[in-house]
Amino acid sequence: MVQESFFGRTKLKRINKFFFINGFIGSLIFYYFVRKIQTYYEVDISIDGYGLAGAVWYGIGLGFVFGIKFIRVQEIIRYFKKK
């Protein structure tokens, strides 16, 4: 795909169709580890609502960004299709 611009022709980035899947997997991984740390330090989420909010913010929020940046589901699928 090529787009015309004022400065000349530029290539557009392909849209990643696994964008949300990569983010979801990253969110699950981070949420798991945040809850594991909270369990280790005995954070009771029924008493401390901020503990659960922290797990959601750091686990799901930052995990989504991590998943988008570093997890490549399409490469895993290609690997297993070859075998």
C-alpha atoms as a PDB file:
ATOM      1  CA  MET A   1       0.000   0.000   0.000  1.00  0.00           C
ATOM      2  CA  VAL A   2       1.333   3.403  -0.955  1.00  0.00           C
ATOM      3  CA  GLN A   3      -0.021   6.784   0.076  1.00  0.00           C
ATOM      4  CA  GLU A   4       0.647  10.090  -1.633  1.00  0.00           C
ATOM      5  CA  SER A   5       1.688  12.895   0.674  1.00  0.00           C
ATOM      6  CA  PHE A   6       3.009  16.423   0.351  1.00  0.00           C
ATOM      7  CA  PHE A   7       6.597  15.176   0.653  1.00  0.00           C
ATOM      8  CA  GLY A   8       6.230  12.318  -1.782  1.00  0.00           C
ATOM      9  CA  ARG A   9       5.150   8.699  -1.634  1.00  0.00           C
ATOM     10  CA  THR A  10       5.177   6.944   1.719  1.00  0.00           C
ATOM     11  CA  LYS A  11       4.428   3.362   2.666  1.00  0.00           C
ATOM     12  CA  LEU A  12       1.590   2.668   5.049  1.00  0.00           C
ATOM     13  CA  LYS A  13       2.068   0.153   7.832  1.00  0.00           C
ATOM     14  CA  ARG A  14      -0.022  -2.964   7.489  1.00  0.00           C
ATOM     15  CA  ILE A  15      -2.756  -3.170  10.057  1.00  0.00           C
ATOM     16  CA  ASN A  16      -2.049  -5.964  12.510  1.00  0.00           C
ATOM     17  CA  LYS A  17      -5.131  -8.186  12.576  1.00  0.00           C
ATOM     18  CA  PHE A  18      -3.930  -9.835  15.793  1.00  0.00           C
ATOM     19  CA  PHE A  19      -3.697  -6.488  17.635  1.00  0.00           C
ATOM     20  CA  PHE A  20      -6.306  -7.275  20.309  1.00  0.00           C
ATOM     21  CA  ILE A  21      -5.273 -10.928  20.671  1.00  0.00           C
ATOM     22  CA  ASN A  22      -1.658  -9.918  21.346  1.00  0.00           C
ATOM     23  CA  GLY A  23      -2.825  -7.333  23.879  1.00  0.00           C
ATOM     24  CA  PHE A  24      -5.198  -9.780  25.557  1.00  0.00           C
ATOM     25  CA  ILE A  25      -2.457 -12.391  26.006  1.00  0.00           C
ATOM     26  CA  GLY A  26      -0.109  -9.755  27.450  1.00  0.00           C
ATOM     27  CA  SER A  27      -2.874  -8.633  29.818  1.00  0.00           C
ATOM     28  CA  LEU A  28      -3.425 -12.171  31.067  1.00  0.00           C
ATOM     29  CA  ILE A  29       0.283 -12.713  31.671  1.00  0.00           C
ATOM     30  CA  PHE A  30       0.768  -9.443  33.570  1.00  0.00           C
ATOM     31  CA  TYR A  31      -2.450  -9.824  35.579  1.00  0.00           C
ATOM     32  CA  TYR A  32      -1.365 -13.323  36.621  1.00  0.00           C
ATOM     33  CA  PHE A  33       2.012 -12.114  37.855  1.00  0.00           C
ATOM     34  CA  VAL A  34       0.595  -9.062  39.655  1.00  0.00           C
ATOM     35  CA  ARG A  35      -1.940 -11.250  41.480  1.00  0.00           C
ATOM     36  CA  LYS A  36       0.859 -13.742  42.282  1.00  0.00           C
ATOM     37  CA  ILE A  37       2.889 -10.933  43.868  1.00  0.00           C
ATOM     38  CA  GLN A  38      -0.169  -9.697  45.773  1.00  0.00           C
ATOM     39  CA  THR A  39      -0.823 -13.213  47.062  1.00  0.00           C
ATOM     40  CA  TYR A  40       2.794 -13.498  48.180  1.00  0.00           C
ATOM     41  CA  TYR A  41       2.529 -10.231  50.140  1.00  0.00           C
ATOM     42  CA  GLU A  42      -0.927 -11.232  51.442  1.00  0.00           C
ATOM     43  CA  VAL A  43      -2.899  -8.379  49.893  1.00  0.00           C
ATOM     44  CA  ASP A  44      -6.567  -9.046  50.658  1.00  0.00           C
ATOM     45  CA  ILE A  45      -8.605  -7.514  47.855  1.00  0.00           C
ATOM     46  CA  SER A  46     -11.846  -7.783  49.829  1.00  0.00           C
ATOM     47  CA  ILE A  47     -10.448  -5.282  52.356  1.00  0.00           C
ATOM     48  CA  ASP A  48      -8.079  -3.331  50.120  1.00  0.00           C
ATOM     49  CA  GLY A  49      -9.934  -2.219  46.998  1.00  0.00           C
ATOM     50  CA  TYR A  50      -6.829  -0.459  45.773  1.00  0.00           C
ATOM     51  CA  GLY A  51      -5.068  -3.813  45.638  1.00  0.00           C
ATOM     52  CA  LEU A  52      -7.491  -5.052  43.025  1.00  0.00           C
ATOM     53  CA  ALA A  53      -7.366  -1.708  41.233  1.00  0.00           C
ATOM     54  CA  GLY A  54      -3.578  -2.021  41.113  1.00  0.00           C
ATOM     55  CA  ALA A  55      -3.841  -5.502  39.664  1.00  0.00           C
ATOM     56  CA  VAL A  56      -6.214  -4.259  37.008  1.00  0.00           C
ATOM     57  CA  TRP A  57      -4.165  -1.166  36.176  1.00  0.00           C
ATOM     58  CA  TYR A  58      -0.746  -2.786  36.092  1.00  0.00           C
ATOM     59  CA  GLY A  59      -1.845  -6.222  35.035  1.00  0.00           C
ATOM     60  CA  ILE A  60      -4.356  -5.471  32.355  1.00  0.00           C
ATOM     61  CA  GLY A  61      -3.421  -1.933  31.327  1.00  0.00           C
ATOM     62  CA  LEU A  62       0.328  -2.236  31.057  1.00  0.00           C
ATOM     63  CA  GLY A  63       0.069  -5.893  30.061  1.00  0.00           C
ATOM     64  CA  PHE A  64      -1.968  -4.874  27.014  1.00  0.00           C
ATOM     65  CA  VAL A  65       0.787  -2.498  25.923  1.00  0.00           C
ATOM     66  CA  PHE A  66       3.414  -5.198  26.572  1.00  0.00           C
ATOM     67  CA  GLY A  67       1.412  -7.700  24.527  1.00  0.00           C
ATOM     68  CA  ILE A  68       1.068  -5.359  21.573  1.00  0.00           C
ATOM     69  CA  LYS A  69       4.759  -4.562  21.610  1.00  0.00           C
ATOM     70  CA  PHE A  70       6.334  -7.970  22.236  1.00  0.00           C
ATOM     71  CA  ILE A  71       3.891 -10.835  21.624  1.00  0.00           C
ATOM     72  CA  ARG A  72       3.539 -12.029  18.039  1.00  0.00           C
ATOM     73  CA  VAL A  73       0.685 -14.534  17.713  1.00  0.00           C
ATOM     74  CA  GLN A  74       0.926 -14.558  13.917  1.00  0.00           C
ATOM     75  CA  GLU A  75       4.523 -15.823  14.078  1.00  0.00           C
ATOM     76  CA  ILE A  76       3.487 -18.622  16.436  1.00  0.00           C
ATOM     77  CA  ILE A  77       0.681 -19.619  14.064  1.00  0.00           C
ATOM     78  CA  ARG A  78       3.082 -19.594  11.078  1.00  0.00           C
ATOM     79  CA  TYR A  79       5.541 -21.765  13.010  1.00  0.00           C
ATOM     80  CA  PHE A  80       2.943 -24.441  13.739  1.00  0.00           C
ATOM     81  CA  LYS A  81       1.542 -24.345  10.191  1.00  0.00           C
ATOM     82  CA  LYS A  82       4.965 -25.217   8.774  1.00  0.00           C
ATOM     83  CA  LYS A  83       5.270 -28.400  10.854  1.00  0.00           C
END
